[in-house]
Amino acid sequence: MNVTTPEASSPGAEAHGEGLLDDARLSATLRTFRDSGMVIIRNAYDADRIATLRASYDDLLAQERSAPNGSRSVQPTDGQNHIQMQMPLLPPFADVDVVAHPVVAQVLAAVLGTDYRCCLYNSNTAFPGSTHQQVHRDAGPVFGSGLGVPTPTTGVVLNIPLCDFTEENGSTEVWPGSHLIVDHPDDAGAELTDRARALASARFNIPVGAIALRDLRLWHRGTPNQSDGARTMLAIVYQRSWLGWRSPALRVPAKTWRAWPSHVQTVFAAAPVDD
């Protein structure tokens, strides 16, 4: 797997299949994550695997959007033609290589500690004609502005693009290093979109098969999709276990629970299992 910066421009280590990162590659990956708040890992999946996920996703989205009484799983997000969908923990979305990819698990254990938990499983789609979202972060500093200095990472989102992410189809824009910004009390009412104009950003342009791990505090936004196809990614959120929060929608079907190995069950231990 190729480990790169958010701009996906730096050469990285190469490892394929189920192999874990060796000590040097893991160290470089963690350094990039600490410095920029995000790291991209190429070749995590082959094209056929992503094609299977995309076909299943498109079918599920079509079903949810055509539900007679509407869908509670599909909701609009900030910006025109942007939606999110809560994902069911069913195959192929609940497959071990999706929810507990070995290299992702390796990095998460180093960043969050070995006792981390999944707390949310979502997805984001930008349809043709989508607009810029407001710059935002998925979680603020744990202690707000009270501490005055950044803490270690407490939450990470895994993004699995289900298509190539390009300038044309609205690849995510990120502000590297912004995860280390602790708001001053004087900035409490300032919009991040206004503050971000003074900072350098990068576009999350990566091919099918690549994945990204992002600190939840990192400033980012969706951008206009000027292509003729939907730009979609899965978004799985993991956090330190002591935070204790989880989405009420995160529930594990009993059949899925029984199929998972014990290390995956541990990651989802906070979610109820449904008969």
Protein backbone atom coordinates (compact mmCIF):
# COMPACT_ATOMS: atom_id res chain seq x y z
CA MET A 1 0.00 0.00 0.00
CA ASN A 2 1.19 3.46 -0.83
CA VAL A 3 1.07 5.84 2.13
CA THR A 4 0.92 9.48 1.11
CA THR A 5 0.06 12.99 2.25
CA PRO A 6 -3.38 14.55 1.71
CA GLU A 7 -2.23 15.87 -1.66
CA ALA A 8 -1.34 12.28 -2.63
CA SER A 9 1.90 13.59 -4.13
CA SER A 10 4.62 12.15 -1.90
CA PRO A 11 6.22 8.78 -2.60
CA GLY A 12 5.27 6.17 -0.05
CA ALA A 13 5.89 2.64 1.04
CA GLU A 14 4.40 -0.17 -1.01
CA ALA A 15 2.63 -3.15 0.54
CA HIS A 16 -0.22 -5.20 -0.86
CA GLY A 17 -2.89 -7.65 0.24
CA GLU A 18 -3.20 -8.53 3.90
CA GLY A 19 0.33 -7.48 4.81
CA LEU A 20 0.71 -4.97 7.63
CA LEU A 21 2.98 -1.94 7.52
CA ASP A 22 6.46 -2.62 8.80
CA ASP A 23 7.88 -0.44 11.58
CA ALA A 24 9.37 2.16 9.23
CA ARG A 25 6.22 2.47 7.12
CA LEU A 26 3.99 2.64 10.18
CA SER A 27 6.19 5.34 11.70
CA ALA A 28 6.00 7.41 8.50
CA THR A 29 2.23 6.94 8.32
CA LEU A 30 1.73 8.07 11.90
CA ARG A 31 3.99 11.08 11.41
CA THR A 32 2.00 12.20 8.36
CA PHE A 33 -1.24 11.74 10.29
CA ARG A 34 0.03 13.73 13.28
CA ASP A 35 1.41 16.55 11.14
CA SER A 36 -1.43 16.94 8.62
CA GLY A 37 -4.40 15.37 10.40
CA MET A 38 -4.92 12.95 7.53
CA VAL A 39 -3.18 10.17 5.67
CA ILE A 40 -4.03 8.47 2.38
CA ILE A 41 -3.28 4.79 1.82
CA ARG A 42 -3.32 3.64 -1.78
CA ASN A 43 -4.13 0.16 -3.08
CA ALA A 44 -6.07 -0.85 0.00
CA TYR A 45 -8.65 -2.53 -2.26
CA ASP A 46 -8.67 -3.78 -5.82
CA ALA A 47 -11.04 -2.31 -8.38
CA ASP A 48 -13.39 -5.31 -8.34
CA ARG A 49 -13.90 -5.01 -4.58
CA ILE A 50 -14.84 -1.35 -4.86
CA ALA A 51 -17.11 -2.10 -7.82
CA THR A 52 -19.02 -4.61 -5.67
CA LEU A 53 -19.40 -2.06 -2.87
CA ARG A 54 -20.50 0.65 -5.30
CA ALA A 55 -23.13 -1.53 -6.96
CA SER A 56 -24.56 -2.54 -3.58
CA TYR A 57 -24.48 1.06 -2.39
CA ASP A 58 -26.28 2.38 -5.47
CA ASP A 59 -28.97 -0.29 -5.11
CA LEU A 60 -29.47 0.50 -1.42
CA LEU A 61 -29.60 4.25 -2.01
CA ALA A 62 -32.18 3.84 -4.77
CA GLN A 63 -34.33 1.67 -2.49
CA GLU A 64 -34.10 4.12 0.40
CA ARG A 65 -34.87 7.17 -1.73
CA SER A 66 -37.91 5.50 -3.30
CA ALA A 67 -39.40 4.31 0.01
CA PRO A 68 -43.12 5.21 0.06
CA ASN A 69 -42.93 7.12 3.34
CA GLY A 70 -39.43 8.43 2.82
CA SER A 71 -36.25 7.14 4.42
CA ARG A 72 -34.87 7.97 7.83
CA SER A 73 -31.49 6.64 6.66
CA VAL A 74 -31.00 9.26 3.92
CA GLN A 75 -30.65 12.91 4.93
CA PRO A 76 -29.52 16.06 3.12
CA THR A 77 -26.34 17.67 4.37
CA ASP A 78 -24.92 21.16 4.03
CA GLY A 79 -24.74 22.35 0.44
CA GLN A 80 -26.97 21.63 -2.53
CA ASN A 81 -27.13 18.01 -3.80
CA HIS A 82 -25.11 16.57 -0.92
CA ILE A 83 -26.67 13.68 1.04
CA GLN A 84 -25.62 11.25 3.74
CA MET A 85 -26.94 7.74 4.34
CA GLN A 86 -26.65 5.62 7.46
CA MET A 87 -25.19 2.29 6.46
CA PRO A 88 -26.54 -1.09 7.58
CA LEU A 89 -24.12 -3.58 9.07
CA LEU A 90 -24.91 -6.16 6.43
CA PRO A 91 -22.76 -7.66 3.65
CA PRO A 92 -20.90 -6.30 1.80
CA PHE A 93 -20.74 -3.19 3.99
CA ALA A 94 -20.10 -5.22 7.15
CA ASP A 95 -17.41 -7.43 5.66
CA VAL A 96 -14.29 -7.64 7.80
CA ASP A 97 -12.06 -6.05 5.16
CA VAL A 98 -14.38 -3.00 5.15
CA VAL A 99 -15.05 -2.39 8.86
CA ALA A 100 -11.72 -3.74 10.16
CA HIS A 101 -9.19 -3.57 7.32
CA PRO A 102 -5.94 -4.92 8.80
CA VAL A 103 -3.81 -1.87 7.97
CA VAL A 104 -6.53 0.51 9.15
CA ALA A 105 -6.77 -1.46 12.40
CA GLN A 106 -3.00 -1.26 12.76
CA VAL A 107 -3.01 2.54 12.35
CA LEU A 108 -6.08 3.06 14.55
CA ALA A 109 -4.55 1.05 17.38
CA ALA A 110 -1.46 3.26 17.25
CA VAL A 111 -3.49 6.51 17.09
CA LEU A 112 -6.42 5.73 19.42
CA GLY A 113 -5.08 2.89 21.54
CA THR A 114 -6.02 -0.74 21.15
CA ASP A 115 -9.36 -0.30 22.96
CA TYR A 116 -11.03 1.84 20.28
CA ARG A 117 -14.69 1.53 19.22
CA CYS A 118 -16.75 2.19 16.11
CA CYS A 119 -19.40 4.82 16.87
CA LEU A 120 -20.89 5.74 13.47
CA TYR A 121 -21.21 4.21 10.00
CA ASN A 122 -22.32 6.70 7.39
CA SER A 123 -21.76 7.63 3.76
CA ASN A 124 -21.55 10.85 1.77
CA THR A 125 -22.63 11.40 -1.82
CA ALA A 126 -22.31 14.54 -3.94
CA PHE A 127 -24.61 14.41 -6.94
CA PRO A 128 -23.99 16.31 -10.18
CA GLY A 129 -24.68 19.98 -9.60
CA SER A 130 -23.60 19.91 -5.97
CA THR A 131 -22.23 23.13 -4.50
CA HIS A 132 -19.51 24.00 -2.01
CA GLN A 133 -20.28 23.02 1.54
CA GLN A 134 -19.36 25.28 4.42
CA VAL A 135 -15.94 24.53 5.86
CA HIS A 136 -16.54 22.42 8.95
CA ARG A 137 -15.01 19.86 11.28
CA ASP A 138 -16.76 16.71 12.42
CA ALA A 139 -15.71 17.20 16.05
CA GLY A 140 -14.18 20.08 17.94
CA PRO A 141 -11.44 19.98 20.58
CA VAL A 142 -12.42 17.73 23.49
CA PHE A 143 -12.11 20.57 26.00
CA GLY A 144 -13.20 23.38 23.69
CA SER A 145 -11.05 26.47 24.16
CA GLY A 146 -10.53 25.70 27.85
CA LEU A 147 -7.27 23.79 27.54
CA GLY A 148 -5.58 26.13 25.07
CA VAL A 149 -3.45 23.42 23.44
CA PRO A 150 -4.43 20.50 21.19
CA THR A 151 -4.89 17.04 22.64
CA PRO A 152 -3.95 13.75 20.98
CA THR A 153 -6.47 12.45 18.48
CA THR A 154 -9.67 11.07 20.03
CA GLY A 155 -11.67 10.27 16.87
CA VAL A 156 -10.83 9.17 13.33
CA VAL A 157 -13.01 8.73 10.25
CA LEU A 158 -12.15 6.15 7.61
CA ASN A 159 -13.23 7.29 4.13
CA ILE A 160 -13.54 4.61 1.44
CA PRO A 161 -14.16 6.29 -1.94
CA LEU A 162 -16.42 4.24 -4.22
CA CYS A 163 -15.15 6.02 -7.33
CA ASP A 164 -12.11 8.04 -8.38
CA PHE A 165 -12.08 11.35 -6.49
CA THR A 166 -11.18 14.16 -8.90
CA GLU A 167 -11.36 17.92 -9.22
CA GLU A 168 -14.23 17.46 -11.66
CA ASN A 169 -16.49 15.30 -9.49
CA GLY A 170 -16.05 17.25 -6.27
CA SER A 171 -13.19 15.71 -4.31
CA THR A 172 -13.13 16.74 -0.66
CA GLU A 173 -11.12 19.85 0.22
CA VAL A 174 -9.08 19.68 3.44
CA TRP A 175 -6.95 22.10 5.46
CA PRO A 176 -3.85 20.15 6.54
CA GLY A 177 -2.79 20.86 10.10
CA SER A 178 -6.11 22.44 11.09
CA HIS A 179 -6.80 19.59 13.51
CA LEU A 180 -4.26 21.22 15.81
CA ILE A 181 -6.11 24.55 15.94
CA VAL A 182 -7.71 25.25 19.31
CA ASP A 183 -10.20 28.08 19.03
CA HIS A 184 -9.49 31.26 20.94
CA PRO A 185 -12.52 32.50 22.91
CA ASP A 186 -12.54 35.62 20.70
CA ASP A 187 -13.15 33.39 17.64
CA ALA A 188 -16.17 31.60 19.07
CA GLY A 189 -18.59 33.25 16.63
CA ALA A 190 -16.33 33.23 13.55
CA GLU A 191 -17.33 30.90 10.71
CA LEU A 192 -14.67 28.38 9.67
CA THR A 193 -15.36 29.21 6.01
CA ASP A 194 -14.18 32.78 6.68
CA ARG A 195 -11.21 31.69 8.77
CA ALA A 196 -10.13 29.11 6.19
CA ARG A 197 -9.59 31.75 3.50
CA ALA A 198 -6.33 32.69 5.19
CA LEU A 199 -5.04 29.09 5.21
CA ALA A 200 -3.71 26.74 2.54
CA SER A 201 -5.92 23.83 1.51
CA ALA A 202 -5.49 20.64 -0.50
CA ARG A 203 -7.85 18.51 -2.56
CA PHE A 204 -8.43 14.87 -1.71
CA ASN A 205 -7.78 13.57 -5.30
CA ILE A 206 -7.26 9.80 -5.11
CA PRO A 207 -8.08 6.80 -7.30
CA VAL A 208 -10.37 3.88 -6.67
CA GLY A 209 -8.82 1.49 -4.16
CA ALA A 210 -7.30 4.21 -2.00
CA ILE A 211 -8.61 5.07 1.45
CA ALA A 212 -8.14 8.00 3.79
CA LEU A 213 -7.92 8.28 7.56
CA ARG A 214 -8.80 11.72 8.92
CA ASP A 215 -8.76 13.27 12.38
CA LEU A 216 -12.34 14.37 13.13
CA ARG A 217 -11.08 17.85 14.01
CA LEU A 218 -9.62 18.48 10.54
CA TRP A 219 -11.32 21.33 8.64
CA HIS A 220 -12.84 20.14 5.36
CA ARG A 221 -15.74 20.53 2.93
CA GLY A 222 -17.37 18.95 -0.08
CA THR A 223 -16.89 20.75 -3.39
CA PRO A 224 -18.98 21.11 -6.57
CA ASN A 225 -19.52 17.96 -8.61
CA GLN A 226 -19.31 19.05 -12.24
CA SER A 227 -19.31 15.50 -13.64
CA ASP A 228 -22.31 13.46 -14.78
CA GLY A 229 -21.98 10.82 -12.02
CA ALA A 230 -22.40 10.70 -8.26
CA ARG A 231 -19.28 11.05 -6.09
CA THR A 232 -19.67 8.65 -3.16
CA MET A 233 -17.67 7.46 -0.18
CA LEU A 234 -18.27 5.35 2.91
CA ALA A 235 -17.47 7.04 6.22
CA ILE A 236 -16.79 4.89 9.30
CA VAL A 237 -15.98 6.70 12.55
CA TYR A 238 -13.84 5.23 15.34
CA GLN A 239 -13.07 6.80 18.71
CA ARG A 240 -11.32 6.16 22.00
CA SER A 241 -13.57 3.90 24.03
CA TRP A 242 -13.82 6.23 27.03
CA LEU A 243 -15.71 8.83 24.98
CA GLY A 244 -18.72 6.54 25.11
CA TRP A 245 -20.78 8.14 22.30
CA ARG A 246 -22.33 6.19 19.45
CA SER A 247 -24.99 6.87 16.85
CA PRO A 248 -28.37 5.37 17.80
CA ALA A 249 -28.50 4.03 14.23
CA LEU A 250 -25.42 1.87 14.79
CA ARG A 251 -26.93 -1.56 15.46
CA VAL A 252 -25.51 -4.97 14.61
CA PRO A 253 -27.75 -7.72 13.19
CA ALA A 254 -27.24 -10.97 15.08
CA LYS A 255 -26.24 -12.79 11.91
CA THR A 256 -23.48 -10.24 11.27
CA TRP A 257 -22.29 -10.43 14.87
CA ARG A 258 -21.97 -14.21 14.71
CA ALA A 259 -20.04 -14.03 11.44
CA TRP A 260 -17.47 -11.58 12.77
CA PRO A 261 -14.24 -12.74 14.41
CA SER A 262 -13.74 -11.66 18.01
CA HIS A 263 -11.45 -8.72 17.20
CA VAL A 264 -14.19 -7.13 15.08
CA GLN A 265 -16.82 -7.79 17.74
CA THR A 266 -14.61 -5.89 20.17
CA VAL A 267 -14.56 -2.83 17.89
CA PHE A 268 -18.39 -2.85 17.80
CA ALA A 269 -18.88 -3.82 21.44
CA ALA A 270 -20.78 -0.59 22.23
CA ALA A 271 -23.47 -1.24 19.61
CA PRO A 272 -26.55 -3.30 20.46
CA VAL A 273 -27.01 -6.62 18.69
CA ASP A 274 -30.47 -7.07 17.13
CA ASP A 275 -32.14 -10.45 16.85
